[in-house]
Amino acid sequence: MTITEIQEEIIDEFSMFDDWMERYEYIIELGKSLPIISDQYKLDENLIKGCQSKVWLYSELDTDKIKYTADSDAILTKGIVALLLRVFSEQKPMDILSAETTFIDAIGLKEHLSPTRANGLVSMVKQIKMYAIAQQTKLAN
């Protein structure tokens, strides 16, 4: 699936919920399904700066697509990371770099987060794109 198709799927899923408590619960459930990141990647260098809670993000190139793994010590943040990885993992670096994160506004995520969590969300997206730049550079060489 393309990044746009995945985002549309997420928007459809969130439209089934009537209120934000249901959406929060769903995000937390998504976090529980996040594959466990290997302890070897839970390093300070993989911590995302600007997050209220600890968020580790690691990327590796698999042929021509990036595979992301992540974890967080906060259940809501773990769910947010799970959403981002669903959108961006297993995608080509150039597709990640050119993608707009339309689903974040479409489901009202940023507006329902505290300012520090919203900043953390922006930091996560930024780091995902930074990894895509690094991996694209490897592909170009």
N, C-alpha and C. Protein backbone atom coordinates (compact mmCIF):
# COMPACT_ATOMS: atom_id res chain seq x y z
N MET A 1 0.83 -1.19 0.00
CA MET A 1 0.00 0.00 0.00
C MET A 1 0.87 1.25 0.00
N THR A 2 0.37 2.30 -0.61
CA THR A 2 1.10 3.57 -0.60
C THR A 2 0.86 4.29 0.73
N ILE A 3 1.68 5.28 0.99
CA ILE A 3 1.53 6.09 2.20
C ILE A 3 0.15 6.75 2.23
N THR A 4 -0.28 7.28 1.09
CA THR A 4 -1.60 7.92 1.01
C THR A 4 -2.72 6.93 1.31
N GLU A 5 -2.63 5.73 0.76
CA GLU A 5 -3.67 4.71 1.00
C GLU A 5 -3.73 4.32 2.47
N ILE A 6 -2.57 4.18 3.10
CA ILE A 6 -2.53 3.82 4.51
C ILE A 6 -3.15 4.94 5.36
N GLN A 7 -2.83 6.19 5.02
CA GLN A 7 -3.39 7.32 5.76
C GLN A 7 -4.92 7.35 5.61
N GLU A 8 -5.41 7.08 4.41
CA GLU A 8 -6.87 7.07 4.19
C GLU A 8 -7.52 5.96 5.01
N GLU A 9 -6.85 4.82 5.11
CA GLU A 9 -7.35 3.70 5.90
C GLU A 9 -7.45 4.10 7.39
N ILE A 10 -6.44 4.79 7.88
CA ILE A 10 -6.43 5.25 9.28
C ILE A 10 -7.56 6.26 9.51
N ILE A 11 -7.73 7.19 8.59
CA ILE A 11 -8.81 8.18 8.70
C ILE A 11 -10.17 7.48 8.77
N ASP A 12 -10.36 6.47 7.91
CA ASP A 12 -11.61 5.69 7.93
C ASP A 12 -11.82 5.00 9.27
N GLU A 13 -10.76 4.39 9.80
CA GLU A 13 -10.85 3.70 11.09
C GLU A 13 -11.26 4.67 12.20
N PHE A 14 -10.65 5.84 12.22
CA PHE A 14 -10.93 6.81 13.29
C PHE A 14 -12.31 7.44 13.14
N SER A 15 -12.86 7.44 11.93
CA SER A 15 -14.19 8.02 11.73
C SER A 15 -15.29 7.16 12.38
N MET A 16 -14.94 5.92 12.74
CA MET A 16 -15.91 5.03 13.38
C MET A 16 -16.16 5.40 14.84
N PHE A 17 -15.26 6.19 15.43
CA PHE A 17 -15.38 6.54 16.85
C PHE A 17 -16.10 7.86 17.02
N ASP A 18 -16.99 7.90 18.01
CA ASP A 18 -17.81 9.09 18.24
C ASP A 18 -17.10 10.17 19.05
N ASP A 19 -16.26 9.74 19.99
CA ASP A 19 -15.61 10.76 20.82
C ASP A 19 -14.12 10.45 20.99
N TRP A 20 -13.44 11.42 21.62
CA TRP A 20 -11.99 11.29 21.74
C TRP A 20 -11.54 10.26 22.74
N MET A 21 -12.37 9.95 23.72
CA MET A 21 -11.97 8.89 24.66
C MET A 21 -11.86 7.55 23.93
N GLU A 22 -12.79 7.30 23.02
CA GLU A 22 -12.73 6.06 22.23
C GLU A 22 -11.49 6.06 21.34
N ARG A 23 -11.17 7.21 20.79
CA ARG A 23 -9.99 7.31 19.93
C ARG A 23 -8.70 7.08 20.72
N TYR A 24 -8.64 7.67 21.93
CA TYR A 24 -7.47 7.46 22.79
C TYR A 24 -7.31 5.97 23.11
N GLU A 25 -8.42 5.33 23.45
CA GLU A 25 -8.37 3.89 23.76
C GLU A 25 -7.86 3.09 22.57
N TYR A 26 -8.31 3.48 21.38
CA TYR A 26 -7.88 2.79 20.17
C TYR A 26 -6.37 2.99 19.94
N ILE A 27 -5.91 4.23 20.14
CA ILE A 27 -4.48 4.53 19.97
C ILE A 27 -3.66 3.70 20.97
N ILE A 28 -4.14 3.59 22.20
CA ILE A 28 -3.44 2.80 23.21
C ILE A 28 -3.40 1.32 22.80
N GLU A 29 -4.52 0.82 22.26
CA GLU A 29 -4.55 -0.57 21.78
C GLU A 29 -3.53 -0.78 20.66
N LEU A 30 -3.43 0.20 19.75
CA LEU A 30 -2.45 0.10 18.66
C LEU A 30 -1.03 0.02 19.23
N GLY A 31 -0.78 0.75 20.28
CA GLY A 31 0.53 0.72 20.92
C GLY A 31 0.88 -0.64 21.47
N LYS A 32 -0.13 -1.36 21.94
CA LYS A 32 0.11 -2.70 22.48
C LYS A 32 0.50 -3.68 21.38
N SER A 33 0.13 -3.37 20.14
CA SER A 33 0.46 -4.27 19.02
C SER A 33 1.81 -3.93 18.38
N LEU A 34 2.45 -2.86 18.87
CA LEU A 34 3.75 -2.45 18.32
C LEU A 34 4.78 -3.54 18.62
N PRO A 35 5.46 -4.05 17.59
CA PRO A 35 6.48 -5.07 17.84
C PRO A 35 7.55 -4.54 18.80
N ILE A 36 8.01 -5.40 19.66
CA ILE A 36 9.03 -5.02 20.64
C ILE A 36 10.33 -4.67 19.92
N ILE A 37 10.89 -3.51 20.27
CA ILE A 37 12.17 -3.11 19.70
C ILE A 37 13.28 -3.85 20.45
N SER A 38 14.26 -4.28 19.74
CA SER A 38 15.39 -4.98 20.36
C SER A 38 16.11 -4.03 21.32
N ASP A 39 16.53 -4.55 22.46
CA ASP A 39 17.23 -3.72 23.44
C ASP A 39 18.49 -3.08 22.88
N GLN A 40 19.08 -3.71 21.85
CA GLN A 40 20.30 -3.14 21.26
C GLN A 40 20.04 -1.79 20.60
N TYR A 41 18.76 -1.48 20.30
CA TYR A 41 18.42 -0.19 19.68
C TYR A 41 17.90 0.83 20.69
N LYS A 42 17.73 0.40 21.95
CA LYS A 42 17.27 1.33 22.98
C LYS A 42 18.47 2.09 23.54
N LEU A 43 19.08 2.86 22.67
CA LEU A 43 20.27 3.65 23.01
C LEU A 43 19.90 5.13 23.02
N ASP A 44 20.70 5.91 23.74
CA ASP A 44 20.47 7.35 23.79
C ASP A 44 20.47 7.97 22.39
N GLU A 45 21.32 7.45 21.50
CA GLU A 45 21.40 8.02 20.15
C GLU A 45 20.12 7.78 19.34
N ASN A 46 19.28 6.84 19.78
CA ASN A 46 18.00 6.58 19.09
C ASN A 46 16.81 7.21 19.80
N LEU A 47 17.07 7.95 20.87
CA LEU A 47 16.00 8.67 21.56
C LEU A 47 15.62 9.90 20.74
N ILE A 48 14.33 10.15 20.64
CA ILE A 48 13.87 11.33 19.91
C ILE A 48 13.89 12.52 20.86
N LYS A 49 14.58 13.57 20.43
CA LYS A 49 14.66 14.79 21.24
C LYS A 49 13.33 15.55 21.09
N GLY A 50 12.88 16.15 22.16
CA GLY A 50 11.66 16.95 22.10
C GLY A 50 10.41 16.21 22.52
N CYS A 51 10.57 14.96 22.95
CA CYS A 51 9.41 14.20 23.42
C CYS A 51 9.35 14.26 24.94
N GLN A 52 8.13 14.37 25.46
CA GLN A 52 7.90 14.39 26.90
C GLN A 52 8.29 13.04 27.51
N SER A 53 7.94 11.96 26.82
CA SER A 53 8.30 10.62 27.29
C SER A 53 9.48 10.12 26.47
N LYS A 54 10.02 8.99 26.86
CA LYS A 54 11.13 8.42 26.10
C LYS A 54 10.58 7.69 24.88
N VAL A 55 11.11 8.03 23.72
CA VAL A 55 10.74 7.37 22.47
C VAL A 55 12.02 7.00 21.74
N TRP A 56 12.17 5.71 21.48
CA TRP A 56 13.31 5.23 20.72
C TRP A 56 12.83 4.93 19.30
N LEU A 57 13.59 5.35 18.32
CA LEU A 57 13.26 5.09 16.92
C LEU A 57 14.52 4.64 16.20
N TYR A 58 14.40 3.55 15.48
CA TYR A 58 15.54 3.00 14.75
C TYR A 58 15.08 2.67 13.34
N SER A 59 15.95 2.88 12.38
CA SER A 59 15.60 2.54 11.00
C SER A 59 16.71 1.72 10.36
N GLU A 60 16.31 0.86 9.44
CA GLU A 60 17.29 0.15 8.63
C GLU A 60 16.73 -0.01 7.23
N LEU A 61 17.65 -0.04 6.28
CA LEU A 61 17.27 -0.19 4.89
C LEU A 61 17.16 -1.66 4.56
N ASP A 62 16.02 -2.04 4.00
CA ASP A 62 15.79 -3.42 3.59
C ASP A 62 15.56 -3.38 2.09
N THR A 63 16.55 -3.73 1.32
CA THR A 63 16.59 -3.57 -0.14
C THR A 63 16.46 -2.09 -0.45
N ASP A 64 15.26 -1.61 -0.85
CA ASP A 64 15.12 -0.18 -1.15
C ASP A 64 14.04 0.48 -0.29
N LYS A 65 13.62 -0.21 0.77
CA LYS A 65 12.60 0.33 1.66
C LYS A 65 13.14 0.42 3.08
N ILE A 66 12.59 1.37 3.83
CA ILE A 66 13.03 1.57 5.21
C ILE A 66 12.10 0.80 6.14
N LYS A 67 12.72 0.10 7.06
CA LYS A 67 11.95 -0.58 8.10
C LYS A 67 12.25 0.15 9.40
N TYR A 68 11.21 0.67 10.03
CA TYR A 68 11.36 1.37 11.30
C TYR A 68 10.93 0.46 12.44
N THR A 69 11.62 0.57 13.57
CA THR A 69 11.18 -0.04 14.82
C THR A 69 11.23 1.05 15.87
N ALA A 70 10.34 0.94 16.85
CA ALA A 70 10.27 2.00 17.87
C ALA A 70 9.66 1.46 19.14
N ASP A 71 9.82 2.24 20.20
CA ASP A 71 9.19 1.93 21.47
C ASP A 71 9.10 3.22 22.28
N SER A 72 8.25 3.19 23.28
CA SER A 72 8.11 4.33 24.18
C SER A 72 7.79 3.81 25.57
N ASP A 73 8.12 4.62 26.57
CA ASP A 73 7.79 4.25 27.94
C ASP A 73 6.41 4.76 28.37
N ALA A 74 5.69 5.40 27.45
CA ALA A 74 4.34 5.91 27.74
C ALA A 74 3.34 5.24 26.79
N ILE A 75 2.21 4.78 27.34
CA ILE A 75 1.28 3.98 26.51
C ILE A 75 0.65 4.77 25.38
N LEU A 76 0.29 6.03 25.62
CA LEU A 76 -0.31 6.82 24.53
C LEU A 76 0.72 7.10 23.44
N THR A 77 1.92 7.46 23.86
CA THR A 77 2.98 7.74 22.90
C THR A 77 3.32 6.51 22.08
N LYS A 78 3.29 5.35 22.71
CA LYS A 78 3.55 4.10 22.01
C LYS A 78 2.52 3.90 20.90
N GLY A 79 1.26 4.26 21.17
CA GLY A 79 0.21 4.16 20.17
C GLY A 79 0.41 5.13 19.02
N ILE A 80 0.85 6.34 19.35
CA ILE A 80 1.12 7.33 18.31
C ILE A 80 2.26 6.86 17.41
N VAL A 81 3.30 6.32 18.04
CA VAL A 81 4.43 5.77 17.28
C VAL A 81 3.95 4.63 16.38
N ALA A 82 3.07 3.78 16.92
CA ALA A 82 2.55 2.66 16.12
C ALA A 82 1.83 3.17 14.87
N LEU A 83 1.07 4.25 15.01
CA LEU A 83 0.40 4.86 13.85
C LEU A 83 1.41 5.35 12.82
N LEU A 84 2.43 6.07 13.31
CA LEU A 84 3.45 6.61 12.40
C LEU A 84 4.20 5.49 11.67
N LEU A 85 4.54 4.42 12.40
CA LEU A 85 5.26 3.32 11.76
C LEU A 85 4.37 2.61 10.74
N ARG A 86 3.09 2.52 11.04
CA ARG A 86 2.16 1.91 10.08
C ARG A 86 2.17 2.68 8.76
N VAL A 87 2.26 3.99 8.86
CA VAL A 87 2.27 4.84 7.66
C VAL A 87 3.61 4.77 6.93
N PHE A 88 4.71 4.85 7.68
CA PHE A 88 6.01 5.07 7.04
C PHE A 88 6.92 3.85 6.91
N SER A 89 6.73 2.82 7.73
CA SER A 89 7.61 1.67 7.64
C SER A 89 7.31 0.87 6.38
N GLU A 90 8.36 0.27 5.84
CA GLU A 90 8.25 -0.52 4.60
C GLU A 90 7.93 0.36 3.38
N GLN A 91 8.38 1.61 3.42
CA GLN A 91 8.19 2.53 2.30
C GLN A 91 9.57 2.98 1.79
N LYS A 92 9.60 3.46 0.56
CA LYS A 92 10.85 3.96 -0.02
C LYS A 92 11.18 5.33 0.57
N PRO A 93 12.47 5.60 0.79
CA PRO A 93 12.87 6.88 1.38
C PRO A 93 12.29 8.10 0.66
N MET A 94 12.32 8.11 -0.66
CA MET A 94 11.81 9.28 -1.40
C MET A 94 10.31 9.46 -1.18
N ASP A 95 9.57 8.35 -1.05
CA ASP A 95 8.13 8.44 -0.79
C ASP A 95 7.87 9.02 0.60
N ILE A 96 8.70 8.64 1.57
CA ILE A 96 8.58 9.17 2.93
C ILE A 96 8.86 10.67 2.93
N LEU A 97 9.91 11.05 2.23
CA LEU A 97 10.30 12.46 2.20
C LEU A 97 9.26 13.34 1.53
N SER A 98 8.57 12.82 0.53
CA SER A 98 7.59 13.64 -0.18
C SER A 98 6.19 13.55 0.42
N ALA A 99 6.01 12.68 1.40
CA ALA A 99 4.68 12.47 1.99
C ALA A 99 4.27 13.59 2.94
N GLU A 100 3.01 13.93 2.86
CA GLU A 100 2.40 14.84 3.83
C GLU A 100 1.71 13.97 4.86
N THR A 101 1.74 14.38 6.11
CA THR A 101 1.07 13.59 7.15
C THR A 101 -0.35 14.12 7.35
N THR A 102 -1.19 13.91 6.34
CA THR A 102 -2.55 14.44 6.35
C THR A 102 -3.43 13.78 7.40
N PHE A 103 -3.15 12.53 7.73
CA PHE A 103 -4.02 11.83 8.67
C PHE A 103 -3.99 12.45 10.07
N ILE A 104 -2.88 13.07 10.44
CA ILE A 104 -2.75 13.65 11.78
C ILE A 104 -3.81 14.73 11.99
N ASP A 105 -3.96 15.62 11.02
CA ASP A 105 -4.98 16.66 11.13
C ASP A 105 -6.38 16.10 10.87
N ALA A 106 -6.46 15.16 9.92
CA ALA A 106 -7.77 14.61 9.55
C ALA A 106 -8.45 13.88 10.71
N ILE A 107 -7.67 13.22 11.56
CA ILE A 107 -8.28 12.53 12.70
C ILE A 107 -8.29 13.41 13.95
N GLY A 108 -7.72 14.63 13.85
CA GLY A 108 -7.73 15.57 14.96
C GLY A 108 -6.73 15.23 16.05
N LEU A 109 -5.71 14.47 15.70
CA LEU A 109 -4.76 14.00 16.71
C LEU A 109 -4.02 15.14 17.40
N LYS A 110 -3.40 16.01 16.63
CA LYS A 110 -2.56 17.04 17.22
C LYS A 110 -3.36 17.97 18.14
N GLU A 111 -4.58 18.30 17.73
CA GLU A 111 -5.38 19.23 18.54
C GLU A 111 -5.87 18.61 19.86
N HIS A 112 -5.85 17.28 19.97
CA HIS A 112 -6.29 16.62 21.19
C HIS A 112 -5.13 16.17 22.07
N LEU A 113 -3.93 16.58 21.72
CA LEU A 113 -2.76 16.26 22.53
C LEU A 113 -2.35 17.50 23.34
N SER A 114 -1.71 17.27 24.47
CA SER A 114 -1.15 18.39 25.22
C SER A 114 -0.07 19.04 24.35
N PRO A 115 0.26 20.30 24.59
CA PRO A 115 1.30 20.96 23.78
C PRO A 115 2.62 20.19 23.75
N THR A 116 3.02 19.60 24.89
CA THR A 116 4.29 18.87 24.90
C THR A 116 4.19 17.58 24.08
N ARG A 117 3.04 16.89 24.14
CA ARG A 117 2.86 15.69 23.32
C ARG A 117 2.79 16.06 21.83
N ALA A 118 2.13 17.17 21.53
CA ALA A 118 2.04 17.61 20.13
C ALA A 118 3.44 17.94 19.59
N ASN A 119 4.27 18.57 20.42
CA ASN A 119 5.66 18.83 20.01
C ASN A 119 6.40 17.53 19.80
N GLY A 120 6.16 16.55 20.67
CA GLY A 120 6.78 15.24 20.52
C GLY A 120 6.37 14.56 19.22
N LEU A 121 5.10 14.69 18.85
CA LEU A 121 4.61 14.13 17.59
C LEU A 121 5.35 14.74 16.41
N VAL A 122 5.50 16.05 16.43
CA VAL A 122 6.25 16.74 15.37
C VAL A 122 7.69 16.24 15.33
N SER A 123 8.29 16.06 16.51
CA SER A 123 9.67 15.56 16.59
C SER A 123 9.79 14.15 16.02
N MET A 124 8.78 13.31 16.28
CA MET A 124 8.80 11.94 15.75
C MET A 124 8.76 11.94 14.22
N VAL A 125 7.86 12.74 13.66
CA VAL A 125 7.74 12.82 12.20
C VAL A 125 9.05 13.35 11.61
N LYS A 126 9.62 14.36 12.26
CA LYS A 126 10.88 14.94 11.80
C LYS A 126 11.99 13.89 11.79
N GLN A 127 12.07 13.09 12.85
CA GLN A 127 13.11 12.06 12.94
C GLN A 127 12.92 10.97 11.90
N ILE A 128 11.67 10.59 11.65
CA ILE A 128 11.37 9.61 10.61
C ILE A 128 11.88 10.12 9.26
N LYS A 129 11.66 11.40 9.00
CA LYS A 129 12.11 12.00 7.73
C LYS A 129 13.64 12.13 7.69
N MET A 130 14.26 12.41 8.84
CA MET A 130 15.73 12.50 8.88
C MET A 130 16.35 11.14 8.55
N TYR A 131 15.78 10.08 9.10
CA TYR A 131 16.25 8.73 8.77
C TYR A 131 16.06 8.45 7.28
N ALA A 132 14.95 8.92 6.72
CA ALA A 132 14.70 8.70 5.29
C ALA A 132 15.77 9.41 4.45
N ILE A 133 16.17 10.60 4.86
CA ILE A 133 17.24 11.32 4.15
C ILE A 133 18.53 10.50 4.21
N ALA A 134 18.86 10.01 5.40
CA ALA A 134 20.10 9.22 5.58
C ALA A 134 20.05 7.95 4.73
N GLN A 135 18.92 7.27 4.72
CA GLN A 135 18.82 6.03 3.96
C GLN A 135 18.80 6.30 2.46
N GLN A 136 18.19 7.40 2.04
CA GLN A 136 18.19 7.78 0.63
C GLN A 136 19.62 8.04 0.16
N THR A 137 20.43 8.65 1.02
CA THR A 137 21.83 8.92 0.69
C THR A 137 22.58 7.61 0.46
N LYS A 138 22.29 6.60 1.29
CA LYS A 138 22.91 5.28 1.10
C LYS A 138 22.52 4.67 -0.24
N LEU A 139 21.24 4.83 -0.60
CA LEU A 139 20.76 4.27 -1.88
C LEU A 139 21.41 4.96 -3.07
N ALA A 140 21.65 6.26 -2.93
CA ALA A 140 22.21 7.05 -4.03
C ALA A 140 23.67 6.72 -4.28
N ASN A 141 24.36 6.20 -3.27
CA ASN A 141 25.80 5.89 -3.42
C ASN A 141 26.06 4.54 -3.98
